[in-house]
Amino acid sequence: MPRKPTELPPAVARRFVGDMRAFHAEPNPIKRDEIAVRQLDALRQHHTGKVRLADVKEMFEQMGNHT
């Protein structure tokens, strides 16, 4: 059974895109992790399922080619 997509408020979605761009522009892996953790916290506030840091990084990688 397909899951219903998470609905993010527009401000949260804009911040996600901004952080995704910052993630791809950042050469320092520790700072990239900090950016991903910030989004992990934001997504956990709006998603009822389990979200891990690896999930956020994967979303950034998959979506980074489409912006």
C-alpha atoms as a PDB file:
ATOM      1  CA  MET A   1       0.000   0.000   0.000  1.00  0.00           C
ATOM      2  CA  PRO A   2       1.531   3.365  -1.009  1.00  0.00           C
ATOM      3  CA  ARG A   3       2.212   5.860   1.717  1.00  0.00           C
ATOM      4  CA  LYS A   4       0.765   9.348   1.646  1.00  0.00           C
ATOM      5  CA  PRO A   5       3.500  11.914   0.900  1.00  0.00           C
ATOM      6  CA  THR A   6       4.474  14.259   3.694  1.00  0.00           C
ATOM      7  CA  GLU A   7       2.995  17.731   3.311  1.00  0.00           C
ATOM      8  CA  LEU A   8       5.488  20.410   4.303  1.00  0.00           C
ATOM      9  CA  PRO A   9       4.514  24.016   4.961  1.00  0.00           C
ATOM     10  CA  PRO A  10       5.892  26.298   2.208  1.00  0.00           C
ATOM     11  CA  ALA A  11       8.458  27.935   4.502  1.00  0.00           C
ATOM     12  CA  VAL A  12       9.810  24.528   5.571  1.00  0.00           C
ATOM     13  CA  ALA A  13       9.969  23.350   1.963  1.00  0.00           C
ATOM     14  CA  ARG A  14      11.866  26.505   0.918  1.00  0.00           C
ATOM     15  CA  ARG A  15      14.333  25.979   3.764  1.00  0.00           C
ATOM     16  CA  PHE A  16      14.776  22.349   2.656  1.00  0.00           C
ATOM     17  CA  VAL A  17      15.679  23.468  -0.871  1.00  0.00           C
ATOM     18  CA  GLY A  18      18.033  26.133   0.468  1.00  0.00           C
ATOM     19  CA  ASP A  19      19.748  23.631   2.725  1.00  0.00           C
ATOM     20  CA  MET A  20      19.968  21.103  -0.104  1.00  0.00           C
ATOM     21  CA  ARG A  21      21.796  23.672  -2.253  1.00  0.00           C
ATOM     22  CA  ALA A  22      24.073  24.560   0.662  1.00  0.00           C
ATOM     23  CA  PHE A  23      24.739  20.853   1.220  1.00  0.00           C
ATOM     24  CA  HIS A  24      25.912  20.405  -2.371  1.00  0.00           C
ATOM     25  CA  ALA A  25      28.020  23.574  -2.295  1.00  0.00           C
ATOM     26  CA  GLU A  26      29.779  22.691   0.981  1.00  0.00           C
ATOM     27  CA  PRO A  27      33.099  20.854   0.538  1.00  0.00           C
ATOM     28  CA  ASN A  28      33.551  20.106   4.268  1.00  0.00           C
ATOM     29  CA  PRO A  29      31.877  16.766   5.127  1.00  0.00           C
ATOM     30  CA  ILE A  30      31.283  17.761   8.763  1.00  0.00           C
ATOM     31  CA  LYS A  31      29.454  20.921   7.735  1.00  0.00           C
ATOM     32  CA  ARG A  32      27.464  18.890   5.187  1.00  0.00           C
ATOM     33  CA  ASP A  33      26.376  16.625   8.046  1.00  0.00           C
ATOM     34  CA  GLU A  34      25.353  19.669  10.116  1.00  0.00           C
ATOM     35  CA  ILE A  35      23.157  20.886   7.250  1.00  0.00           C
ATOM     36  CA  ALA A  36      21.565  17.447   6.910  1.00  0.00           C
ATOM     37  CA  VAL A  37      20.948  17.212  10.680  1.00  0.00           C
ATOM     38  CA  ARG A  38      19.184  20.588  10.623  1.00  0.00           C
ATOM     39  CA  GLN A  39      16.826  19.238   7.968  1.00  0.00           C
ATOM     40  CA  LEU A  40      16.418  15.950   9.813  1.00  0.00           C
ATOM     41  CA  ASP A  41      15.087  17.870  12.815  1.00  0.00           C
ATOM     42  CA  ALA A  42      12.739  19.918  10.606  1.00  0.00           C
ATOM     43  CA  LEU A  43      11.400  16.849   8.787  1.00  0.00           C
ATOM     44  CA  ARG A  44      10.800  14.953  12.009  1.00  0.00           C
ATOM     45  CA  GLN A  45       8.460  17.748  13.112  1.00  0.00           C
ATOM     46  CA  HIS A  46       6.265  17.223  10.035  1.00  0.00           C
ATOM     47  CA  HIS A  47       6.566  13.500   9.272  1.00  0.00           C
ATOM     48  CA  THR A  48       5.041  10.816  11.434  1.00  0.00           C
ATOM     49  CA  GLY A  49       7.261   8.009  10.137  1.00  0.00           C
ATOM     50  CA  LYS A  50      10.869   7.194  10.819  1.00  0.00           C
ATOM     51  CA  VAL A  51      13.409   9.546   9.200  1.00  0.00           C
ATOM     52  CA  ARG A  52      17.154   8.970   9.542  1.00  0.00           C
ATOM     53  CA  LEU A  53      20.146  11.129   8.695  1.00  0.00           C
ATOM     54  CA  ALA A  54      20.990   8.746   5.863  1.00  0.00           C
ATOM     55  CA  ASP A  55      17.478   9.318   4.457  1.00  0.00           C
ATOM     56  CA  VAL A  56      17.980  13.087   4.405  1.00  0.00           C
ATOM     57  CA  LYS A  57      21.359  12.754   2.706  1.00  0.00           C
ATOM     58  CA  GLU A  58      19.850  10.424   0.120  1.00  0.00           C
ATOM     59  CA  MET A  59      17.031  12.910  -0.564  1.00  0.00           C
ATOM     60  CA  PHE A  60      19.599  15.678  -0.995  1.00  0.00           C
ATOM     61  CA  GLU A  61      21.604  13.532  -3.426  1.00  0.00           C
ATOM     62  CA  GLN A  62      18.574  12.418  -5.453  1.00  0.00           C
ATOM     63  CA  MET A  63      17.000  15.860  -5.627  1.00  0.00           C
ATOM     64  CA  GLY A  64      20.267  17.721  -6.151  1.00  0.00           C
ATOM     65  CA  ASN A  65      20.317  16.764  -9.807  1.00  0.00           C
ATOM     66  CA  HIS A  66      16.847  18.218 -10.388  1.00  0.00           C
ATOM     67  CA  THR A  67      17.187  21.805  -9.123  1.00  0.00           C
END
